[in-house]
Amino acid sequence: MIISDSTTIITLLNINKLEILHNLFDVVYLPQRVYNEIVIDEKIELDRSFFIIKEIKDRRLYSILLKALDSGEAEAIILAMEMNLSLIIDERKGRKVAKNLGINIFGFIGLLLLNHKNGYLSESGTIDVFNKAKEQGFRVGQRLESDFLRKIYEN
């Protein structure tokens, strides 16, 4: 089980590689606003047996986080705290806030590395998914991309 923000899910859906999540998790929890970002804003259908919608409880913290983050990120961080689960989040500011709150985080690249490490993706398959995501607008810094490629070739 894990919590997710919308970016990685949208990326995986756009490249038809949702198995990257299915390989690692039985359930992905989404706060309501993240679900809305994917289904309403992006007009994408989600498998509700795999993606479970969960409401946050801490509205006070939500109000505080909204000063620095968008609503989906804020809810995802709060839900990860409330459920004591790891969080999939790629945006730099959101990652920093989540880390500062003691939440274990994964990003798109981390999920690819886990899939590769666990034998779900070959070296070339991992790089292919990464390149397809970049073609669809996934942004990554040069240093992070170099680290990712080094880790893939080391295994």
Protein backbone atom coordinates (compact mmCIF):
# COMPACT_ATOMS: atom_id res chain seq x y z
CA MET A 1 0.00 0.00 0.00
CA ILE A 2 1.15 3.50 -0.79
CA ILE A 3 -0.25 7.02 -1.24
CA SER A 4 0.22 8.88 -4.52
CA ASP A 5 0.09 12.37 -5.91
CA SER A 6 -1.20 12.69 -9.48
CA THR A 7 1.94 13.34 -11.56
CA THR A 8 3.39 9.82 -11.63
CA ILE A 9 0.01 8.19 -12.22
CA ILE A 10 -0.75 10.53 -15.12
CA THR A 11 2.70 9.88 -16.59
CA LEU A 12 2.26 6.10 -16.34
CA LEU A 13 -1.23 6.25 -17.84
CA ASN A 14 0.01 8.43 -20.71
CA ILE A 15 2.69 5.88 -21.63
CA ASN A 16 0.44 2.87 -20.92
CA LYS A 17 2.73 1.51 -18.19
CA LEU A 18 0.51 1.32 -15.12
CA GLU A 19 2.02 -2.09 -14.38
CA ILE A 20 4.96 -0.14 -12.87
CA LEU A 21 2.62 0.42 -9.90
CA HIS A 22 0.83 -2.95 -10.07
CA ASN A 23 4.18 -4.77 -9.90
CA LEU A 24 4.97 -3.19 -6.54
CA PHE A 25 1.67 -2.47 -4.78
CA ASP A 26 -1.69 -4.13 -4.19
CA VAL A 27 -3.43 -0.81 -3.54
CA VAL A 28 -2.66 2.86 -4.19
CA TYR A 29 -4.54 5.32 -1.99
CA LEU A 30 -5.48 8.68 -3.47
CA PRO A 31 -6.82 11.67 -1.64
CA GLN A 32 -9.99 13.10 -3.19
CA ARG A 33 -8.28 16.09 -4.83
CA VAL A 34 -5.64 13.90 -6.49
CA TYR A 35 -8.40 11.63 -7.80
CA ASN A 36 -10.18 14.72 -9.18
CA GLU A 37 -6.97 15.96 -10.84
CA ILE A 38 -6.64 12.67 -12.69
CA VAL A 39 -10.27 11.84 -13.47
CA ILE A 40 -11.85 15.27 -13.92
CA ASP A 41 -8.95 17.46 -15.06
CA GLU A 42 -7.18 14.83 -17.19
CA LYS A 43 -10.38 12.93 -18.15
CA ILE A 44 -8.85 9.55 -17.31
CA GLU A 45 -10.70 6.58 -15.82
CA LEU A 46 -9.12 4.72 -12.92
CA ASP A 47 -9.61 1.17 -11.68
CA ARG A 48 -11.33 1.81 -8.34
CA SER A 49 -10.34 -1.62 -7.02
CA PHE A 50 -6.66 -0.63 -7.29
CA PHE A 51 -6.92 3.12 -6.68
CA ILE A 52 -8.78 3.68 -3.42
CA ILE A 53 -10.04 7.19 -2.64
CA LYS A 54 -9.59 8.30 0.96
CA GLU A 55 -10.53 11.60 2.60
CA ILE A 56 -8.04 13.46 4.77
CA LYS A 57 -8.95 14.40 8.34
CA ASP A 58 -6.50 17.15 9.28
CA ARG A 59 -8.09 20.25 7.69
CA ARG A 60 -5.94 22.60 9.78
CA LEU A 61 -2.69 21.19 8.37
CA TYR A 62 -4.27 21.25 4.92
CA SER A 63 -4.84 25.00 5.24
CA ILE A 64 -1.21 25.48 6.26
CA LEU A 65 0.22 23.36 3.43
CA LEU A 66 -1.92 25.16 0.84
CA LYS A 67 0.25 28.23 1.39
CA ALA A 68 3.16 26.42 -0.29
CA LEU A 69 1.67 23.51 -2.27
CA ASP A 70 -1.21 22.77 -4.60
CA SER A 71 -4.28 21.08 -3.12
CA GLY A 72 -3.48 17.58 -4.42
CA GLU A 73 0.06 17.61 -3.05
CA ALA A 74 -1.15 18.94 0.29
CA GLU A 75 -3.79 16.23 0.61
CA ALA A 76 -1.38 13.49 -0.49
CA ILE A 77 1.15 14.52 2.15
CA ILE A 78 -1.49 14.65 4.87
CA LEU A 79 -2.93 11.27 3.87
CA ALA A 80 0.55 9.71 3.96
CA MET A 81 0.99 11.09 7.47
CA GLU A 82 -2.45 9.97 8.63
CA MET A 83 -2.08 6.45 7.25
CA ASN A 84 1.64 6.19 8.04
CA LEU A 85 2.41 5.11 4.47
CA SER A 86 5.04 6.07 1.91
CA LEU A 87 4.21 8.68 -0.72
CA ILE A 88 4.78 8.83 -4.47
CA ILE A 89 5.52 12.46 -5.28
CA ASP A 90 7.74 14.07 -7.91
CA GLU A 91 7.42 17.82 -7.49
CA ARG A 92 10.48 19.26 -5.77
CA LYS A 93 8.66 21.50 -3.28
CA GLY A 94 6.24 18.74 -2.29
CA ARG A 95 9.08 16.23 -1.86
CA LYS A 96 10.91 18.64 0.40
CA VAL A 97 7.85 19.25 2.58
CA ALA A 98 7.08 15.52 2.79
CA LYS A 99 10.66 14.69 3.75
CA ASN A 100 10.66 17.40 6.41
CA LEU A 101 7.51 15.84 7.86
CA GLY A 102 9.24 12.45 8.06
CA ILE A 103 7.38 10.80 5.17
CA ASN A 104 9.17 8.15 3.13
CA ILE A 105 8.95 9.24 -0.50
CA PHE A 106 9.30 7.70 -3.93
CA GLY A 107 9.35 9.39 -7.29
CA PHE A 108 8.85 8.11 -10.79
CA ILE A 109 12.54 7.23 -11.10
CA GLY A 110 12.53 5.40 -7.78
CA LEU A 111 9.61 3.27 -8.96
CA LEU A 112 11.48 2.41 -12.16
CA LEU A 113 14.56 1.44 -10.16
CA LEU A 114 12.47 -0.79 -7.86
CA ASN A 115 10.86 -2.48 -10.85
CA HIS A 116 14.30 -3.11 -12.34
CA LYS A 117 15.81 -4.31 -9.07
CA ASN A 118 12.92 -6.74 -8.51
CA GLY A 119 13.20 -8.15 -12.03
CA TYR A 120 9.98 -6.68 -13.44
CA LEU A 121 11.87 -4.60 -16.00
CA SER A 122 15.04 -5.40 -17.89
CA GLU A 123 17.81 -2.83 -18.27
CA SER A 124 16.58 -1.85 -21.72
CA GLY A 125 12.92 -1.98 -20.64
CA THR A 126 13.60 0.38 -17.75
CA ILE A 127 15.39 2.86 -19.98
CA ASP A 128 12.62 2.57 -22.58
CA VAL A 129 9.94 3.46 -19.99
CA PHE A 130 12.09 6.37 -18.79
CA ASN A 131 12.54 7.70 -22.34
CA LYS A 132 8.83 7.36 -23.14
CA ALA A 133 8.01 9.33 -20.00
CA LYS A 134 10.44 12.07 -21.04
CA GLU A 135 8.79 12.20 -24.47
CA GLN A 136 5.45 12.75 -22.70
CA GLY A 137 6.82 15.69 -20.71
CA PHE A 138 8.39 14.09 -17.62
CA ARG A 139 11.12 16.49 -16.56
CA VAL A 140 14.31 15.40 -14.86
CA GLY A 141 17.56 17.20 -14.11
CA GLN A 142 20.76 16.07 -15.80
CA ARG A 143 22.38 14.94 -12.53
CA LEU A 144 19.37 12.83 -11.54
CA GLU A 145 19.18 11.30 -15.01
CA SER A 146 22.90 10.44 -14.88
CA ASP A 147 22.48 8.86 -11.42
CA PHE A 148 19.48 6.87 -12.68
CA LEU A 149 21.37 5.53 -15.71
CA ARG A 150 24.41 4.66 -13.60
CA LYS A 151 22.22 2.66 -11.18
CA ILE A 152 20.54 0.81 -14.04
CA TYR A 153 23.85 -0.17 -15.66
CA GLU A 154 25.38 -1.18 -12.28
CA ASN A 155 22.75 -3.86 -11.64
